[in-house]
């Protein structure tokens, strides 16, 4: 299920995706700036303890680069993973950039430790993949994980990514658009 709200950068809608246990909320630009400024949750932001983490800051930097380069494409930003039960951001998932000329887009994801090991990352990646392959011109979704990060490897395997190879430290994966979709 997808909802859209006005995007504070230049007016395009923000994307909101739903899973059984989470809501994926594309992060508005004022919150991207707060993450980069090192703000803490306080009363302004609904963040669980431990969020944001280093990967969140990296994702926020990627969004900022896209906006500055006028390369932002609606929906291909950073999404907070919001726990439906608490209403707090517990992690994030997002794109390193909009799809390239070949239609490939790379994703990354992470959850705070208290929410790991529950199948949430798999649920979230499946929802993001479904939305991504509904978008025009997308042919593949790429992902990487550390060689020794077994939980992340399992998420990619369970969500249909094919293993492409390793350099001994990083494993590369791809999920191609199904023919006719």
N, C-alpha and C. Protein backbone atom coordinates (compact mmCIF):
# COMPACT_ATOMS: atom_id res chain seq x y z
N UNK A 1 0.84 -1.17 0.00
CA UNK A 1 0.00 0.00 0.00
C UNK A 1 0.89 1.24 0.00
N UNK A 2 0.65 2.17 -0.90
CA UNK A 2 1.45 3.37 -1.02
C UNK A 2 0.58 4.58 -0.79
N UNK A 3 1.11 5.51 0.01
CA UNK A 3 0.48 6.80 0.20
C UNK A 3 1.50 7.84 -0.22
N UNK A 4 1.04 9.03 -0.51
CA UNK A 4 1.98 10.10 -0.84
C UNK A 4 1.59 11.36 -0.11
N UNK A 5 2.62 12.11 0.34
CA UNK A 5 2.42 13.41 0.95
C UNK A 5 3.38 14.38 0.30
N UNK A 6 3.12 15.68 0.44
CA UNK A 6 3.95 16.69 -0.22
C UNK A 6 5.39 16.63 0.27
N UNK A 7 6.32 16.66 -0.65
CA UNK A 7 7.74 16.62 -0.34
C UNK A 7 8.24 18.03 -0.08
N UNK A 8 8.97 18.26 1.03
CA UNK A 8 9.40 19.61 1.36
C UNK A 8 10.55 20.13 0.53
N UNK A 9 11.19 19.29 -0.30
CA UNK A 9 12.32 19.79 -1.08
C UNK A 9 11.83 20.65 -2.22
N UNK A 10 11.08 20.06 -3.11
CA UNK A 10 10.66 20.81 -4.30
C UNK A 10 9.22 20.52 -4.67
N UNK A 11 8.49 19.91 -3.77
CA UNK A 11 7.08 19.70 -4.04
C UNK A 11 6.66 18.31 -4.46
N UNK A 12 7.57 17.41 -4.97
CA UNK A 12 7.08 16.09 -5.34
C UNK A 12 6.62 15.34 -4.09
N UNK A 13 5.74 14.36 -4.24
CA UNK A 13 5.21 13.67 -3.05
C UNK A 13 6.25 12.78 -2.38
N UNK A 14 6.13 12.66 -1.07
CA UNK A 14 6.90 11.68 -0.31
C UNK A 14 6.17 10.35 -0.41
N UNK A 15 6.92 9.28 -0.42
CA UNK A 15 6.32 7.96 -0.51
C UNK A 15 6.25 7.32 0.87
N UNK A 16 5.14 6.69 1.16
CA UNK A 16 4.94 5.94 2.40
C UNK A 16 4.48 4.54 2.00
N UNK A 17 5.20 3.52 2.48
CA UNK A 17 4.88 2.13 2.18
C UNK A 17 4.49 1.42 3.48
N UNK A 18 3.61 0.45 3.39
CA UNK A 18 3.17 -0.27 4.58
C UNK A 18 3.54 -1.74 4.49
N UNK A 19 3.95 -2.29 5.63
CA UNK A 19 4.15 -3.72 5.78
C UNK A 19 3.30 -4.15 6.97
N UNK A 20 3.16 -5.44 7.22
CA UNK A 20 2.33 -5.84 8.36
C UNK A 20 2.75 -5.24 9.71
N UNK A 21 4.07 -5.06 9.91
CA UNK A 21 4.54 -4.60 11.21
C UNK A 21 5.19 -3.22 11.21
N UNK A 22 5.39 -2.64 10.01
CA UNK A 22 6.08 -1.36 9.93
C UNK A 22 5.43 -0.44 8.91
N UNK A 23 5.82 0.81 8.99
CA UNK A 23 5.53 1.79 7.96
C UNK A 23 6.87 2.31 7.48
N UNK A 24 7.06 2.36 6.18
CA UNK A 24 8.28 2.93 5.60
C UNK A 24 7.94 4.34 5.17
N UNK A 25 8.59 5.31 5.79
CA UNK A 25 8.28 6.71 5.56
C UNK A 25 9.49 7.40 4.96
N UNK A 26 9.33 7.88 3.72
CA UNK A 26 10.44 8.60 3.11
C UNK A 26 10.74 9.82 3.96
N UNK A 27 12.01 10.00 4.28
CA UNK A 27 12.42 11.03 5.23
C UNK A 27 12.35 12.41 4.58
N UNK A 28 11.58 13.34 5.18
CA UNK A 28 11.52 14.70 4.65
C UNK A 28 12.86 15.42 4.82
N UNK A 29 13.09 16.40 3.98
CA UNK A 29 14.39 17.04 3.94
C UNK A 29 14.75 17.73 5.26
N UNK A 30 13.79 18.26 6.00
CA UNK A 30 14.14 18.89 7.28
C UNK A 30 14.67 17.85 8.26
N UNK A 31 14.17 16.64 8.17
CA UNK A 31 14.67 15.58 9.04
C UNK A 31 16.01 15.05 8.55
N UNK A 32 16.23 15.05 7.24
CA UNK A 32 17.55 14.70 6.69
C UNK A 32 18.58 15.67 7.27
N UNK A 33 18.26 16.96 7.26
CA UNK A 33 19.18 17.97 7.82
C UNK A 33 19.42 17.73 9.31
N UNK A 34 18.37 17.36 10.06
CA UNK A 34 18.51 17.10 11.50
C UNK A 34 19.43 15.91 11.74
N UNK A 35 19.30 14.88 10.94
CA UNK A 35 20.16 13.70 11.06
C UNK A 35 21.61 14.10 10.81
N UNK A 36 21.85 14.88 9.76
CA UNK A 36 23.20 15.31 9.43
C UNK A 36 23.78 16.26 10.47
N UNK A 37 22.92 17.02 11.15
CA UNK A 37 23.36 17.95 12.18
C UNK A 37 23.62 17.24 13.51
N UNK A 38 23.28 15.95 13.59
CA UNK A 38 23.51 15.20 14.81
C UNK A 38 22.48 15.43 15.89
N UNK A 39 21.29 15.91 15.49
CA UNK A 39 20.23 16.12 16.48
C UNK A 39 19.85 14.80 17.13
N UNK A 40 19.35 14.88 18.35
CA UNK A 40 18.86 13.71 19.05
C UNK A 40 17.35 13.71 19.01
N UNK A 41 16.74 12.60 19.35
CA UNK A 41 15.29 12.46 19.22
C UNK A 41 14.52 13.55 19.95
N UNK A 42 14.68 13.67 21.24
CA UNK A 42 13.96 14.68 21.99
C UNK A 42 12.47 14.67 21.70
N UNK A 43 11.85 15.83 21.73
CA UNK A 43 10.42 15.94 21.46
C UNK A 43 10.15 16.19 19.99
N UNK A 44 11.16 16.53 19.24
CA UNK A 44 10.96 16.89 17.83
C UNK A 44 10.85 15.67 16.92
N UNK A 45 11.61 14.62 17.19
CA UNK A 45 11.65 13.46 16.30
C UNK A 45 11.25 12.20 17.05
N UNK A 46 10.49 11.34 16.40
CA UNK A 46 10.04 10.07 16.99
C UNK A 46 11.02 8.97 16.63
N UNK A 47 12.16 8.96 17.34
CA UNK A 47 13.22 7.99 17.08
C UNK A 47 13.42 7.10 18.30
N UNK A 48 13.55 5.81 18.08
CA UNK A 48 13.85 4.87 19.16
C UNK A 48 15.29 5.07 19.63
N UNK A 49 15.60 4.70 20.87
CA UNK A 49 16.99 4.77 21.34
C UNK A 49 17.90 3.96 20.41
N UNK A 50 19.02 4.53 20.02
CA UNK A 50 19.95 3.88 19.10
C UNK A 50 19.78 4.33 17.65
N UNK A 51 18.75 5.11 17.40
CA UNK A 51 18.51 5.65 16.05
C UNK A 51 18.66 7.16 16.12
N UNK A 52 19.24 7.81 15.14
CA UNK A 52 19.86 7.24 13.94
C UNK A 52 21.23 6.64 14.23
N UNK A 53 21.70 5.77 13.35
CA UNK A 53 23.02 5.15 13.49
C UNK A 53 23.88 5.57 12.30
N UNK A 54 25.12 5.07 12.22
CA UNK A 54 26.05 5.51 11.18
C UNK A 54 25.50 5.33 9.77
N UNK A 55 24.81 4.21 9.52
CA UNK A 55 24.24 3.98 8.20
C UNK A 55 23.18 5.01 7.85
N UNK A 56 22.45 5.48 8.85
CA UNK A 56 21.44 6.52 8.63
C UNK A 56 22.10 7.81 8.16
N UNK A 57 23.19 8.16 8.81
CA UNK A 57 23.92 9.37 8.43
C UNK A 57 24.43 9.24 7.00
N UNK A 58 24.95 8.07 6.65
CA UNK A 58 25.40 7.84 5.27
C UNK A 58 24.26 7.98 4.27
N UNK A 59 23.09 7.42 4.61
CA UNK A 59 21.92 7.54 3.73
C UNK A 59 21.46 8.98 3.60
N UNK A 60 21.50 9.73 4.69
CA UNK A 60 21.12 11.15 4.65
C UNK A 60 22.07 11.94 3.75
N UNK A 61 23.36 11.61 3.81
CA UNK A 61 24.34 12.28 2.94
C UNK A 61 24.05 11.98 1.47
N UNK A 62 23.65 10.75 1.18
CA UNK A 62 23.32 10.40 -0.21
C UNK A 62 22.11 11.21 -0.70
N UNK A 63 21.10 11.37 0.16
CA UNK A 63 19.92 12.16 -0.21
C UNK A 63 20.34 13.61 -0.46
N UNK A 64 21.15 14.16 0.42
CA UNK A 64 21.61 15.54 0.25
C UNK A 64 22.35 15.71 -1.08
N UNK A 65 23.23 14.74 -1.39
CA UNK A 65 23.96 14.81 -2.67
C UNK A 65 23.00 14.79 -3.86
N UNK A 66 21.97 13.94 -3.79
CA UNK A 66 21.00 13.86 -4.89
C UNK A 66 20.28 15.20 -5.05
N UNK A 67 19.88 15.80 -3.93
CA UNK A 67 19.15 17.06 -3.98
C UNK A 67 20.04 18.17 -4.55
N UNK A 68 21.26 18.27 -4.05
CA UNK A 68 22.19 19.31 -4.50
C UNK A 68 22.50 19.15 -5.99
N UNK A 69 22.62 17.92 -6.46
CA UNK A 69 22.93 17.66 -7.87
C UNK A 69 21.69 17.68 -8.75
N UNK A 70 20.53 18.00 -8.16
CA UNK A 70 19.26 17.98 -8.87
C UNK A 70 19.00 16.61 -9.51
N UNK A 71 19.40 15.56 -8.78
CA UNK A 71 19.24 14.19 -9.26
C UNK A 71 18.24 13.42 -8.43
N UNK A 72 17.57 14.10 -7.49
CA UNK A 72 16.58 13.42 -6.67
C UNK A 72 15.39 13.01 -7.53
N UNK A 73 14.96 11.77 -7.39
CA UNK A 73 13.77 11.26 -8.08
C UNK A 73 12.79 10.82 -6.99
N UNK A 74 11.56 11.32 -7.01
CA UNK A 74 10.60 10.99 -5.95
C UNK A 74 10.55 9.48 -5.67
N UNK A 75 10.64 9.18 -4.37
CA UNK A 75 10.60 7.80 -3.93
C UNK A 75 11.95 7.14 -3.78
N UNK A 76 12.96 7.64 -4.47
CA UNK A 76 14.29 7.02 -4.44
C UNK A 76 15.20 7.73 -3.45
N UNK A 77 14.71 7.83 -2.21
CA UNK A 77 15.46 8.47 -1.15
C UNK A 77 15.67 7.53 0.02
N UNK A 78 15.68 8.11 1.21
CA UNK A 78 15.88 7.38 2.45
C UNK A 78 14.53 7.21 3.14
N UNK A 79 14.23 6.01 3.60
CA UNK A 79 12.98 5.72 4.30
C UNK A 79 13.28 5.32 5.74
N UNK A 80 12.56 5.89 6.69
CA UNK A 80 12.63 5.40 8.05
C UNK A 80 11.71 4.20 8.17
N UNK A 81 12.18 3.21 8.91
CA UNK A 81 11.36 2.06 9.25
C UNK A 81 10.71 2.38 10.59
N UNK A 82 9.40 2.58 10.57
CA UNK A 82 8.68 2.97 11.77
C UNK A 82 7.91 1.75 12.28
N UNK A 83 8.18 1.39 13.53
CA UNK A 83 7.49 0.29 14.18
C UNK A 83 6.04 0.68 14.42
N UNK A 84 5.10 -0.09 13.91
CA UNK A 84 3.67 0.24 14.07
C UNK A 84 3.23 0.26 15.53
N UNK A 85 3.82 -0.61 16.34
CA UNK A 85 3.40 -0.71 17.74
C UNK A 85 3.80 0.52 18.55
N UNK A 86 5.03 1.02 18.35
CA UNK A 86 5.53 2.14 19.15
C UNK A 86 5.44 3.49 18.44
N UNK A 87 5.39 3.46 17.10
CA UNK A 87 5.40 4.70 16.34
C UNK A 87 6.78 5.33 16.22
N UNK A 88 7.82 4.59 16.61
CA UNK A 88 9.18 5.12 16.59
C UNK A 88 9.97 4.59 15.40
N UNK A 89 10.89 5.42 14.88
CA UNK A 89 11.81 4.99 13.84
C UNK A 89 12.81 4.02 14.47
N UNK A 90 12.92 2.82 13.88
CA UNK A 90 13.77 1.76 14.42
C UNK A 90 14.88 1.37 13.45
N UNK A 91 14.93 2.02 12.31
CA UNK A 91 15.93 1.71 11.31
C UNK A 91 15.60 2.45 10.03
N UNK A 92 16.31 2.10 8.98
CA UNK A 92 16.02 2.72 7.70
C UNK A 92 16.42 1.81 6.55
N UNK A 93 15.88 2.15 5.41
CA UNK A 93 16.13 1.46 4.16
C UNK A 93 16.08 2.53 3.08
N UNK A 94 16.86 2.39 2.06
CA UNK A 94 16.80 3.41 1.02
C UNK A 94 17.74 3.13 -0.12
N UNK A 95 17.77 4.12 -0.99
CA UNK A 95 18.51 4.02 -2.24
C UNK A 95 19.79 4.84 -2.18
N UNK A 96 20.82 4.32 -2.81
CA UNK A 96 22.07 5.07 -2.91
C UNK A 96 21.94 6.18 -3.95
N UNK A 97 21.03 6.00 -4.89
CA UNK A 97 20.74 7.01 -5.92
C UNK A 97 19.50 6.55 -6.68
N UNK A 98 19.01 7.42 -7.53
CA UNK A 98 17.94 7.02 -8.44
C UNK A 98 18.51 5.99 -9.42
N UNK A 99 17.66 5.25 -10.13
CA UNK A 99 18.18 4.26 -11.08
C UNK A 99 19.12 4.91 -12.10
N UNK A 100 20.17 4.15 -12.46
CA UNK A 100 21.14 4.64 -13.44
C UNK A 100 20.60 4.47 -14.86
N UNK A 101 21.42 4.77 -15.85
CA UNK A 101 20.99 4.72 -17.25
C UNK A 101 20.54 3.32 -17.67
N UNK A 102 21.03 2.28 -16.98
CA UNK A 102 20.62 0.91 -17.28
C UNK A 102 19.40 0.48 -16.49
N UNK A 103 18.89 1.37 -15.61
CA UNK A 103 17.71 1.05 -14.81
C UNK A 103 18.00 0.35 -13.50
N UNK A 104 19.27 0.34 -13.07
CA UNK A 104 19.64 -0.32 -11.82
C UNK A 104 19.73 0.70 -10.68
N UNK A 105 19.22 0.31 -9.52
CA UNK A 105 19.30 1.14 -8.32
C UNK A 105 19.81 0.28 -7.18
N UNK A 106 20.71 0.83 -6.36
CA UNK A 106 21.26 0.09 -5.23
C UNK A 106 20.56 0.49 -3.94
N UNK A 107 20.31 -0.51 -3.09
CA UNK A 107 19.67 -0.24 -1.80
C UNK A 107 20.60 -0.61 -0.65
N UNK A 108 20.27 -0.06 0.53
CA UNK A 108 20.91 -0.43 1.78
C UNK A 108 19.86 -0.41 2.86
N UNK A 109 20.12 -1.07 3.99
CA UNK A 109 19.12 -1.15 5.05
C UNK A 109 19.80 -1.45 6.37
N UNK A 110 19.11 -1.11 7.46
CA UNK A 110 19.62 -1.42 8.78
C UNK A 110 18.55 -1.21 9.84
N UNK A 111 18.66 -1.92 10.93
CA UNK A 111 17.74 -1.82 12.07
C UNK A 111 18.55 -1.65 13.34
N UNK A 112 17.97 -0.94 14.34
CA UNK A 112 18.65 -0.89 15.62
C UNK A 112 18.66 -2.29 16.21
N UNK A 113 19.63 -2.56 17.06
CA UNK A 113 19.85 -3.92 17.57
C UNK A 113 18.61 -4.54 18.21
N UNK A 114 17.85 -3.76 18.95
CA UNK A 114 16.68 -4.29 19.66
C UNK A 114 15.62 -4.87 18.73
N UNK A 115 15.67 -4.52 17.44
CA UNK A 115 14.65 -5.00 16.49
C UNK A 115 15.22 -5.96 15.46
N UNK A 116 16.47 -6.35 15.60
CA UNK A 116 17.08 -7.31 14.68
C UNK A 116 16.65 -8.73 15.03
N UNK A 117 16.73 -9.63 14.05
CA UNK A 117 16.44 -11.03 14.29
C UNK A 117 14.97 -11.39 14.36
N UNK A 118 14.10 -10.49 13.88
CA UNK A 118 12.65 -10.73 13.93
C UNK A 118 12.03 -10.86 12.54
N UNK A 119 12.84 -10.84 11.51
CA UNK A 119 12.31 -10.90 10.15
C UNK A 119 11.85 -9.56 9.60
N UNK A 120 12.07 -8.49 10.35
CA UNK A 120 11.62 -7.16 9.89
C UNK A 120 12.38 -6.69 8.67
N UNK A 121 13.69 -6.92 8.63
CA UNK A 121 14.46 -6.47 7.47
C UNK A 121 13.96 -7.15 6.20
N UNK A 122 13.66 -8.42 6.27
CA UNK A 122 13.13 -9.14 5.10
C UNK A 122 11.80 -8.53 4.67
N UNK A 123 10.93 -8.28 5.61
CA UNK A 123 9.62 -7.68 5.34
C UNK A 123 9.77 -6.31 4.67
N UNK A 124 10.69 -5.52 5.17
CA UNK A 124 10.91 -4.16 4.67
C UNK A 124 11.51 -4.20 3.26
N UNK A 125 12.51 -5.04 3.07
CA UNK A 125 13.15 -5.13 1.74
C UNK A 125 12.13 -5.62 0.71
N UNK A 126 11.29 -6.59 1.07
CA UNK A 126 10.25 -7.07 0.14
C UNK A 126 9.32 -5.92 -0.26
N UNK A 127 8.92 -5.09 0.69
CA UNK A 127 8.03 -3.97 0.37
C UNK A 127 8.72 -2.95 -0.53
N UNK A 128 9.97 -2.67 -0.25
CA UNK A 128 10.70 -1.70 -1.09
C UNK A 128 10.90 -2.25 -2.50
N UNK A 129 11.20 -3.54 -2.61
CA UNK A 129 11.34 -4.16 -3.93
C UNK A 129 10.04 -4.09 -4.72
N UNK A 130 8.92 -4.39 -4.08
CA UNK A 130 7.62 -4.35 -4.77
C UNK A 130 7.37 -2.95 -5.32
N UNK A 131 7.61 -1.92 -4.50
CA UNK A 131 7.41 -0.54 -4.96
C UNK A 131 8.38 -0.21 -6.09
N UNK A 132 9.64 -0.59 -5.93
CA UNK A 132 10.68 -0.25 -6.90
C UNK A 132 10.36 -0.82 -8.27
N UNK A 133 9.93 -2.07 -8.32
CA UNK A 133 9.66 -2.69 -9.61
C UNK A 133 8.35 -2.21 -10.24
N UNK A 134 7.58 -1.43 -9.52
CA UNK A 134 6.40 -0.76 -10.11
C UNK A 134 6.79 0.53 -10.83
N UNK A 135 8.03 1.00 -10.63
CA UNK A 135 8.46 2.27 -11.20
C UNK A 135 8.99 2.07 -12.62
N UNK A 136 8.65 3.00 -13.48
CA UNK A 136 9.09 2.93 -14.87
C UNK A 136 10.62 2.95 -14.97
N UNK A 137 11.13 2.12 -15.86
CA UNK A 137 12.55 2.13 -16.18
C UNK A 137 13.45 1.35 -15.24
N UNK A 138 12.92 0.82 -14.15
CA UNK A 138 13.76 0.05 -13.23
C UNK A 138 13.90 -1.38 -13.74
N UNK A 139 15.14 -1.80 -13.91
CA UNK A 139 15.41 -3.15 -14.41
C UNK A 139 16.01 -4.07 -13.35
N UNK A 140 16.69 -3.47 -12.35
CA UNK A 140 17.35 -4.29 -11.34
C UNK A 140 17.56 -3.48 -10.06
N UNK A 141 17.61 -4.21 -8.96
CA UNK A 141 17.97 -3.62 -7.67
C UNK A 141 19.24 -4.33 -7.22
N UNK A 142 20.22 -3.55 -6.82
CA UNK A 142 21.51 -4.08 -6.40
C UNK A 142 21.67 -3.91 -4.89
N UNK A 143 22.52 -4.74 -4.28
CA UNK A 143 22.82 -4.61 -2.86
C UNK A 143 24.18 -5.23 -2.60
N UNK A 144 24.82 -4.76 -1.54
CA UNK A 144 26.08 -5.31 -1.09
C UNK A 144 26.00 -5.56 0.41
N UNK A 145 26.77 -6.51 0.88
CA UNK A 145 26.88 -6.74 2.31
C UNK A 145 28.27 -7.27 2.62
N UNK A 146 28.71 -7.05 3.84
CA UNK A 146 30.01 -7.56 4.26
C UNK A 146 29.99 -9.09 4.17
N UNK A 147 31.12 -9.64 3.80
CA UNK A 147 31.25 -11.09 3.64
C UNK A 147 30.79 -11.84 4.89
N UNK A 148 31.12 -11.31 6.06
CA UNK A 148 30.80 -12.03 7.29
C UNK A 148 29.48 -11.61 7.95
N UNK A 149 28.67 -10.82 7.27
CA UNK A 149 27.39 -10.37 7.85
C UNK A 149 26.28 -11.33 7.43
N UNK A 150 26.21 -12.46 8.13
CA UNK A 150 25.28 -13.52 7.75
C UNK A 150 23.81 -13.10 7.79
N UNK A 151 23.33 -12.32 8.78
CA UNK A 151 21.92 -11.93 8.76
C UNK A 151 21.55 -11.12 7.51
N UNK A 152 22.43 -10.22 7.10
CA UNK A 152 22.15 -9.42 5.90
C UNK A 152 22.17 -10.29 4.65
N UNK A 153 23.08 -11.22 4.60
CA UNK A 153 23.12 -12.15 3.47
C UNK A 153 21.80 -12.92 3.38
N UNK A 154 21.28 -13.37 4.53
CA UNK A 154 20.02 -14.13 4.55
C UNK A 154 18.86 -13.27 4.08
N UNK A 155 18.83 -11.99 4.47
CA UNK A 155 17.76 -11.09 4.00
C UNK A 155 17.78 -11.04 2.48
N UNK A 156 18.94 -10.85 1.90
CA UNK A 156 19.03 -10.74 0.44
C UNK A 156 18.65 -12.06 -0.23
N UNK A 157 19.08 -13.17 0.32
CA UNK A 157 18.73 -14.47 -0.26
C UNK A 157 17.22 -14.73 -0.16
N UNK A 158 16.62 -14.42 1.00
CA UNK A 158 15.19 -14.66 1.19
C UNK A 158 14.33 -13.76 0.31
N UNK A 159 14.85 -12.61 -0.09
CA UNK A 159 14.06 -11.69 -0.91
C UNK A 159 14.38 -11.82 -2.40
N UNK A 160 15.04 -12.91 -2.77
CA UNK A 160 15.21 -13.23 -4.18
C UNK A 160 16.40 -12.62 -4.88
N UNK A 161 17.34 -12.07 -4.14
CA UNK A 161 18.55 -11.54 -4.77
C UNK A 161 19.46 -12.68 -5.18
N UNK A 162 20.10 -12.53 -6.33
CA UNK A 162 21.08 -13.50 -6.80
C UNK A 162 22.47 -13.03 -6.40
N UNK A 163 23.28 -13.95 -5.93
CA UNK A 163 24.66 -13.65 -5.57
C UNK A 163 25.47 -13.47 -6.84
N UNK A 164 26.17 -12.33 -6.95
CA UNK A 164 26.97 -12.04 -8.14
C UNK A 164 28.44 -12.34 -7.97
N UNK A 165 28.94 -12.24 -6.73
CA UNK A 165 30.35 -12.49 -6.49
C UNK A 165 30.84 -11.73 -5.27
N UNK A 166 32.10 -11.99 -4.94
CA UNK A 166 32.71 -11.36 -3.78
C UNK A 166 34.14 -10.96 -4.09
N UNK A 167 34.61 -9.94 -3.39
CA UNK A 167 36.02 -9.56 -3.49
C UNK A 167 36.78 -10.04 -2.25
N UNK A 168 36.12 -10.89 -1.46
CA UNK A 168 36.71 -11.40 -0.23
C UNK A 168 36.25 -10.63 1.00
N UNK A 169 35.77 -9.41 0.82
CA UNK A 169 35.26 -8.60 1.92
C UNK A 169 33.79 -8.24 1.75
N UNK A 170 33.39 -8.01 0.49
CA UNK A 170 32.03 -7.57 0.19
C UNK A 170 31.39 -8.52 -0.81
N UNK A 171 30.16 -8.91 -0.50
CA UNK A 171 29.38 -9.75 -1.40
C UNK A 171 28.41 -8.87 -2.18
N UNK A 172 28.31 -9.07 -3.48
CA UNK A 172 27.43 -8.29 -4.35
C UNK A 172 26.26 -9.15 -4.79
N UNK A 173 25.07 -8.51 -4.80
CA UNK A 173 23.82 -9.19 -5.15
C UNK A 173 23.02 -8.33 -6.12
N UNK A 174 22.13 -8.99 -6.86
CA UNK A 174 21.19 -8.28 -7.75
C UNK A 174 19.87 -9.01 -7.78
N UNK A 175 18.83 -8.24 -7.89
CA UNK A 175 17.47 -8.78 -8.11
C UNK A 175 16.96 -8.11 -9.37
N UNK A 176 16.67 -8.91 -10.38
CA UNK A 176 16.21 -8.40 -11.67
C UNK A 176 14.69 -8.32 -11.71
N UNK A 177 14.19 -7.38 -12.49
CA UNK A 177 12.74 -7.28 -12.71
C UNK A 177 12.26 -8.54 -13.40
N UNK A 178 11.15 -9.07 -12.92
CA UNK A 178 10.56 -10.26 -13.53
C UNK A 178 10.10 -9.92 -14.95
N UNK A 179 10.29 -10.81 -15.93
CA UNK A 179 9.80 -10.55 -17.28
C UNK A 179 8.29 -10.28 -17.28
N UNK A 180 7.90 -9.28 -18.03
CA UNK A 180 6.48 -8.94 -18.16
C UNK A 180 5.93 -8.09 -17.03
N UNK A 181 6.78 -7.73 -16.05
CA UNK A 181 6.28 -6.89 -14.96
C UNK A 181 6.68 -5.45 -15.11
